[in-house]
N, C-alpha and C. Protein backbone atom coordinates (compact mmCIF):
# COMPACT_ATOMS: atom_id res chain seq x y z
N MET A 1 -8.10 22.91 22.18
CA MET A 1 -7.85 21.49 22.24
C MET A 1 -7.73 20.96 20.82
N SER A 2 -6.61 20.32 20.51
CA SER A 2 -6.45 19.76 19.17
C SER A 2 -7.00 18.35 19.15
N GLN A 3 -7.47 17.99 18.00
CA GLN A 3 -8.04 16.66 17.84
C GLN A 3 -7.10 15.84 16.97
N ASP A 4 -6.62 14.73 17.49
CA ASP A 4 -5.75 13.86 16.71
C ASP A 4 -6.59 13.11 15.69
N LEU A 5 -6.18 13.21 14.45
CA LEU A 5 -6.87 12.48 13.40
C LEU A 5 -6.31 11.07 13.31
N HIS A 6 -7.17 10.14 12.95
CA HIS A 6 -6.71 8.79 12.70
C HIS A 6 -5.72 8.85 11.54
N PRO A 7 -4.67 8.03 11.54
CA PRO A 7 -3.67 8.11 10.48
C PRO A 7 -4.24 8.12 9.08
N GLU A 8 -5.33 7.40 8.86
CA GLU A 8 -5.91 7.34 7.53
C GLU A 8 -6.53 8.68 7.11
N GLU A 9 -6.82 9.54 8.07
CA GLU A 9 -7.44 10.82 7.75
C GLU A 9 -6.41 11.93 7.54
N GLN A 10 -5.12 11.63 7.68
CA GLN A 10 -4.08 12.63 7.55
C GLN A 10 -3.47 12.66 6.15
N ARG A 11 -3.97 11.87 5.24
CA ARG A 11 -3.37 11.80 3.91
C ARG A 11 -3.55 13.09 3.14
N ARG A 12 -2.62 13.33 2.23
CA ARG A 12 -2.61 14.57 1.47
C ARG A 12 -3.38 14.49 0.17
N SER A 13 -3.60 13.28 -0.35
CA SER A 13 -4.34 13.15 -1.60
C SER A 13 -5.41 12.08 -1.41
N PRO A 14 -6.55 12.25 -2.07
CA PRO A 14 -7.65 11.30 -1.89
C PRO A 14 -7.29 9.91 -2.38
N ARG A 15 -7.75 8.92 -1.65
CA ARG A 15 -7.50 7.53 -2.03
C ARG A 15 -8.71 6.98 -2.77
N LEU A 16 -8.43 6.13 -3.74
CA LEU A 16 -9.47 5.46 -4.51
C LEU A 16 -9.55 4.02 -4.04
N LEU A 17 -10.77 3.55 -3.76
CA LEU A 17 -10.94 2.17 -3.33
C LEU A 17 -10.59 1.23 -4.47
N VAL A 18 -9.98 0.12 -4.14
CA VAL A 18 -9.56 -0.88 -5.12
C VAL A 18 -10.55 -2.05 -5.03
N PRO A 19 -10.94 -2.65 -6.17
CA PRO A 19 -11.83 -3.81 -6.10
C PRO A 19 -11.24 -4.91 -5.22
N VAL A 20 -12.08 -5.63 -4.53
CA VAL A 20 -11.65 -6.70 -3.63
C VAL A 20 -10.85 -7.74 -4.43
N GLY A 21 -9.76 -8.18 -3.85
CA GLY A 21 -8.98 -9.26 -4.46
C GLY A 21 -7.80 -8.83 -5.30
N VAL A 22 -7.50 -7.52 -5.37
CA VAL A 22 -6.32 -7.08 -6.12
C VAL A 22 -5.10 -7.33 -5.24
N SER A 23 -4.29 -8.29 -5.64
CA SER A 23 -3.14 -8.70 -4.85
C SER A 23 -1.85 -8.16 -5.46
N VAL A 24 -0.94 -7.72 -4.59
CA VAL A 24 0.37 -7.24 -5.02
C VAL A 24 1.42 -7.87 -4.11
N SER A 25 2.65 -7.84 -4.56
CA SER A 25 3.75 -8.34 -3.75
C SER A 25 4.33 -7.18 -2.95
N LEU A 26 4.62 -7.43 -1.69
CA LEU A 26 5.22 -6.42 -0.82
C LEU A 26 6.55 -6.99 -0.32
N ARG A 27 7.67 -6.32 -0.69
CA ARG A 27 8.98 -6.74 -0.19
C ARG A 27 9.26 -5.98 1.09
N LEU A 28 9.37 -6.71 2.18
CA LEU A 28 9.54 -6.12 3.50
C LEU A 28 10.98 -5.67 3.73
N ALA A 29 11.21 -4.96 4.81
CA ALA A 29 12.56 -4.51 5.16
C ALA A 29 13.50 -5.70 5.35
N SER A 30 12.97 -6.84 5.75
CA SER A 30 13.75 -8.06 5.94
C SER A 30 14.08 -8.74 4.61
N LYS A 31 13.63 -8.17 3.50
CA LYS A 31 13.81 -8.68 2.13
C LYS A 31 12.87 -9.83 1.80
N GLN A 32 12.03 -10.24 2.75
CA GLN A 32 11.02 -11.26 2.50
C GLN A 32 9.92 -10.64 1.66
N SER A 33 9.40 -11.39 0.69
CA SER A 33 8.27 -10.91 -0.11
C SER A 33 7.01 -11.65 0.31
N VAL A 34 5.92 -10.90 0.47
CA VAL A 34 4.62 -11.47 0.84
C VAL A 34 3.56 -10.88 -0.07
N PHE A 35 2.48 -11.62 -0.26
CA PHE A 35 1.36 -11.09 -1.01
C PHE A 35 0.41 -10.39 -0.06
N VAL A 36 -0.05 -9.22 -0.47
CA VAL A 36 -1.02 -8.44 0.29
C VAL A 36 -2.10 -7.97 -0.68
N ASN A 37 -3.23 -7.57 -0.15
CA ASN A 37 -4.30 -7.02 -0.99
C ASN A 37 -4.30 -5.51 -0.88
N LEU A 38 -4.41 -4.85 -2.02
CA LEU A 38 -4.57 -3.40 -2.02
C LEU A 38 -5.95 -3.07 -1.51
N ARG A 39 -6.04 -2.15 -0.58
CA ARG A 39 -7.34 -1.70 -0.07
C ARG A 39 -7.74 -0.41 -0.75
N ASN A 40 -6.78 0.54 -0.83
CA ASN A 40 -7.01 1.78 -1.56
C ASN A 40 -5.67 2.32 -2.02
N VAL A 41 -5.72 3.25 -2.96
CA VAL A 41 -4.48 3.76 -3.56
C VAL A 41 -4.70 5.18 -4.04
N SER A 42 -3.62 5.96 -4.05
CA SER A 42 -3.66 7.31 -4.59
C SER A 42 -2.36 7.54 -5.35
N GLU A 43 -2.17 8.75 -5.82
CA GLU A 43 -0.93 9.06 -6.53
C GLU A 43 0.28 8.99 -5.61
N LYS A 44 0.08 9.19 -4.32
CA LYS A 44 1.21 9.30 -3.39
C LYS A 44 1.31 8.19 -2.36
N GLY A 45 0.34 7.26 -2.33
CA GLY A 45 0.41 6.22 -1.32
C GLY A 45 -0.68 5.18 -1.48
N ALA A 46 -0.68 4.23 -0.55
CA ALA A 46 -1.64 3.13 -0.61
C ALA A 46 -1.86 2.57 0.78
N CYS A 47 -2.92 1.81 0.90
CA CYS A 47 -3.18 1.01 2.09
C CYS A 47 -3.27 -0.43 1.63
N VAL A 48 -2.54 -1.31 2.31
CA VAL A 48 -2.59 -2.73 1.99
C VAL A 48 -3.06 -3.48 3.23
N VAL A 49 -3.59 -4.68 3.00
CA VAL A 49 -4.07 -5.50 4.11
C VAL A 49 -3.61 -6.94 3.88
N ARG A 50 -3.25 -7.58 4.98
CA ARG A 50 -2.86 -8.99 4.93
C ARG A 50 -3.59 -9.72 6.03
N GLN A 51 -4.12 -10.88 5.70
CA GLN A 51 -4.78 -11.68 6.72
C GLN A 51 -3.73 -12.22 7.66
N GLY A 52 -3.94 -12.02 8.96
CA GLY A 52 -2.98 -12.45 9.96
C GLY A 52 -1.95 -11.38 10.25
N SER A 53 -0.84 -11.79 10.82
CA SER A 53 0.20 -10.83 11.22
C SER A 53 1.18 -10.59 10.08
N LEU A 54 1.95 -9.53 10.24
CA LEU A 54 2.93 -9.14 9.23
C LEU A 54 4.13 -8.54 9.96
N ASP A 55 5.32 -8.96 9.61
CA ASP A 55 6.55 -8.47 10.24
C ASP A 55 6.93 -7.12 9.63
N ILE A 56 6.26 -6.06 10.12
CA ILE A 56 6.45 -4.73 9.55
C ILE A 56 6.27 -3.69 10.65
N ASN A 57 7.00 -2.59 10.55
CA ASN A 57 6.94 -1.53 11.55
C ASN A 57 6.87 -0.16 10.88
N GLU A 58 6.38 0.82 11.63
CA GLU A 58 6.38 2.20 11.13
C GLU A 58 7.80 2.59 10.76
N ASP A 59 7.92 3.38 9.71
CA ASP A 59 9.19 3.88 9.18
C ASP A 59 10.02 2.85 8.43
N ASP A 60 9.55 1.59 8.32
CA ASP A 60 10.24 0.62 7.47
C ASP A 60 10.20 1.07 6.03
N ASN A 61 11.23 0.73 5.29
CA ASN A 61 11.24 0.92 3.84
C ASN A 61 10.86 -0.39 3.20
N VAL A 62 9.82 -0.36 2.37
CA VAL A 62 9.31 -1.55 1.69
C VAL A 62 9.12 -1.23 0.21
N VAL A 63 8.82 -2.26 -0.58
CA VAL A 63 8.60 -2.06 -2.01
C VAL A 63 7.35 -2.80 -2.43
N ILE A 64 6.45 -2.10 -3.14
CA ILE A 64 5.28 -2.73 -3.75
C ILE A 64 5.67 -3.11 -5.18
N LEU A 65 5.35 -4.34 -5.56
CA LEU A 65 5.59 -4.80 -6.92
C LEU A 65 4.25 -5.27 -7.50
N VAL A 66 3.84 -4.62 -8.58
CA VAL A 66 2.58 -4.95 -9.24
C VAL A 66 2.92 -5.52 -10.61
N LEU A 67 2.48 -6.75 -10.88
CA LEU A 67 2.68 -7.35 -12.19
C LEU A 67 1.40 -7.22 -12.99
N GLU A 68 1.52 -6.74 -14.21
CA GLU A 68 0.36 -6.63 -15.10
C GLU A 68 0.41 -7.80 -16.06
N TYR A 69 -0.52 -8.73 -15.89
CA TYR A 69 -0.50 -9.97 -16.63
C TYR A 69 -0.75 -9.79 -18.12
N ASP A 70 -1.60 -8.84 -18.49
CA ASP A 70 -1.92 -8.67 -19.91
C ASP A 70 -0.77 -8.06 -20.70
N SER A 71 0.07 -7.25 -20.08
CA SER A 71 1.16 -6.60 -20.81
C SER A 71 2.54 -7.08 -20.35
N ALA A 72 2.59 -7.94 -19.37
CA ALA A 72 3.85 -8.45 -18.79
C ALA A 72 4.71 -7.31 -18.22
N ALA A 73 4.10 -6.17 -17.96
CA ALA A 73 4.83 -5.05 -17.38
C ALA A 73 4.75 -5.14 -15.86
N LYS A 74 5.68 -4.45 -15.20
CA LYS A 74 5.60 -4.41 -13.75
C LYS A 74 5.83 -2.98 -13.26
N ILE A 75 5.16 -2.68 -12.16
CA ILE A 75 5.30 -1.38 -11.51
C ILE A 75 5.99 -1.65 -10.18
N THR A 76 7.10 -0.96 -9.94
CA THR A 76 7.85 -1.10 -8.69
C THR A 76 7.78 0.24 -7.96
N LEU A 77 7.25 0.23 -6.74
CA LEU A 77 7.07 1.45 -5.98
C LEU A 77 7.72 1.36 -4.60
N PRO A 78 8.87 2.02 -4.41
CA PRO A 78 9.46 2.09 -3.07
C PRO A 78 8.53 2.88 -2.15
N CYS A 79 8.38 2.41 -0.91
CA CYS A 79 7.44 3.03 0.03
C CYS A 79 8.05 3.14 1.42
N LYS A 80 7.50 4.06 2.19
CA LYS A 80 7.81 4.20 3.62
C LYS A 80 6.52 3.84 4.36
N VAL A 81 6.64 3.02 5.40
CA VAL A 81 5.48 2.63 6.20
C VAL A 81 5.12 3.80 7.11
N CYS A 82 3.88 4.30 6.96
CA CYS A 82 3.40 5.43 7.77
C CYS A 82 2.73 4.96 9.06
N TRP A 83 1.99 3.87 8.97
CA TRP A 83 1.30 3.34 10.14
C TRP A 83 0.98 1.87 9.94
N VAL A 84 0.80 1.16 11.04
CA VAL A 84 0.44 -0.26 11.03
C VAL A 84 -0.67 -0.45 12.04
N ARG A 85 -1.72 -1.17 11.65
CA ARG A 85 -2.83 -1.45 12.56
C ARG A 85 -3.18 -2.93 12.49
N ASN A 86 -3.10 -3.61 13.64
CA ASN A 86 -3.48 -5.02 13.74
C ASN A 86 -4.87 -5.11 14.33
N THR A 87 -5.75 -5.85 13.69
CA THR A 87 -7.11 -5.99 14.19
C THR A 87 -7.34 -7.33 14.86
N GLY A 88 -6.34 -8.18 14.88
CA GLY A 88 -6.51 -9.53 15.41
C GLY A 88 -6.62 -10.53 14.28
N PHE A 89 -7.36 -10.16 13.23
CA PHE A 89 -7.51 -11.03 12.08
C PHE A 89 -6.70 -10.53 10.89
N ASN A 90 -6.54 -9.23 10.78
CA ASN A 90 -5.86 -8.63 9.64
C ASN A 90 -4.85 -7.60 10.11
N THR A 91 -3.87 -7.34 9.26
CA THR A 91 -2.91 -6.26 9.49
C THR A 91 -3.07 -5.26 8.35
N TYR A 92 -3.37 -4.02 8.70
CA TYR A 92 -3.52 -2.93 7.73
C TYR A 92 -2.25 -2.08 7.79
N VAL A 93 -1.76 -1.66 6.62
CA VAL A 93 -0.53 -0.89 6.57
C VAL A 93 -0.73 0.31 5.64
N GLY A 94 -0.44 1.50 6.15
CA GLY A 94 -0.50 2.72 5.35
C GLY A 94 0.88 3.02 4.79
N LEU A 95 0.97 3.21 3.49
CA LEU A 95 2.24 3.40 2.81
C LEU A 95 2.27 4.73 2.06
N SER A 96 3.43 5.35 2.08
CA SER A 96 3.66 6.57 1.31
C SER A 96 4.74 6.26 0.28
N PHE A 97 4.48 6.55 -1.00
CA PHE A 97 5.46 6.29 -2.04
C PHE A 97 6.67 7.21 -1.83
N VAL A 98 7.88 6.66 -1.98
CA VAL A 98 9.12 7.40 -1.78
C VAL A 98 9.68 7.79 -3.15
N ASN A 99 9.87 9.08 -3.36
CA ASN A 99 10.47 9.60 -4.59
C ASN A 99 9.76 9.13 -5.86
N SER A 100 8.49 8.86 -5.77
CA SER A 100 7.73 8.47 -6.96
C SER A 100 6.26 8.73 -6.71
N THR A 101 5.55 8.82 -7.78
CA THR A 101 4.10 8.91 -7.71
C THR A 101 3.54 7.91 -8.70
N LEU A 102 2.31 7.55 -8.50
CA LEU A 102 1.63 6.63 -9.40
C LEU A 102 0.93 7.46 -10.45
N SER A 103 1.27 7.25 -11.71
CA SER A 103 0.66 8.02 -12.78
C SER A 103 -0.84 7.76 -12.83
N GLN A 104 -1.58 8.68 -13.39
CA GLN A 104 -3.03 8.52 -13.51
C GLN A 104 -3.36 7.27 -14.30
N ASP A 105 -2.57 6.97 -15.33
CA ASP A 105 -2.80 5.78 -16.15
C ASP A 105 -2.60 4.51 -15.32
N ALA A 106 -1.52 4.45 -14.55
CA ALA A 106 -1.25 3.29 -13.71
C ALA A 106 -2.30 3.17 -12.61
N LEU A 107 -2.70 4.28 -12.04
CA LEU A 107 -3.73 4.31 -11.01
C LEU A 107 -5.05 3.75 -11.55
N THR A 108 -5.41 4.17 -12.75
CA THR A 108 -6.64 3.69 -13.38
C THR A 108 -6.58 2.19 -13.64
N ARG A 109 -5.43 1.68 -14.07
CA ARG A 109 -5.29 0.25 -14.32
C ARG A 109 -5.43 -0.55 -13.04
N LEU A 110 -4.95 -0.02 -11.93
CA LEU A 110 -5.04 -0.74 -10.65
C LEU A 110 -6.46 -0.86 -10.14
N ILE A 111 -7.27 0.17 -10.35
CA ILE A 111 -8.62 0.15 -9.77
C ILE A 111 -9.68 -0.29 -10.77
N ALA A 112 -9.28 -0.55 -12.01
CA ALA A 112 -10.26 -0.97 -13.04
C ALA A 112 -10.55 -2.45 -12.94
């Protein structure tokens, strides 16, 4: 008997928790941009959360945009939606970076 793992347990690289309140812009497949909070992140993907509902589906192509205020730099990460979970109050979205990885330096800046 095989045991189905929750989507969050199927990731290939460990995720690092992000401090509460780290907000990034998420450009949806509809081209609408919304602010979401990073929940955790790794070199190959991330989990974001938005209060309320979000017009997003599995397999959508989306883009995370992170602006660094101190250096005026921005990180743009194309992503594929791996899973979506609505809890009634929040929408959690698991993302896999497409054709890119987050460098250790960029990863450290996000969680610091």
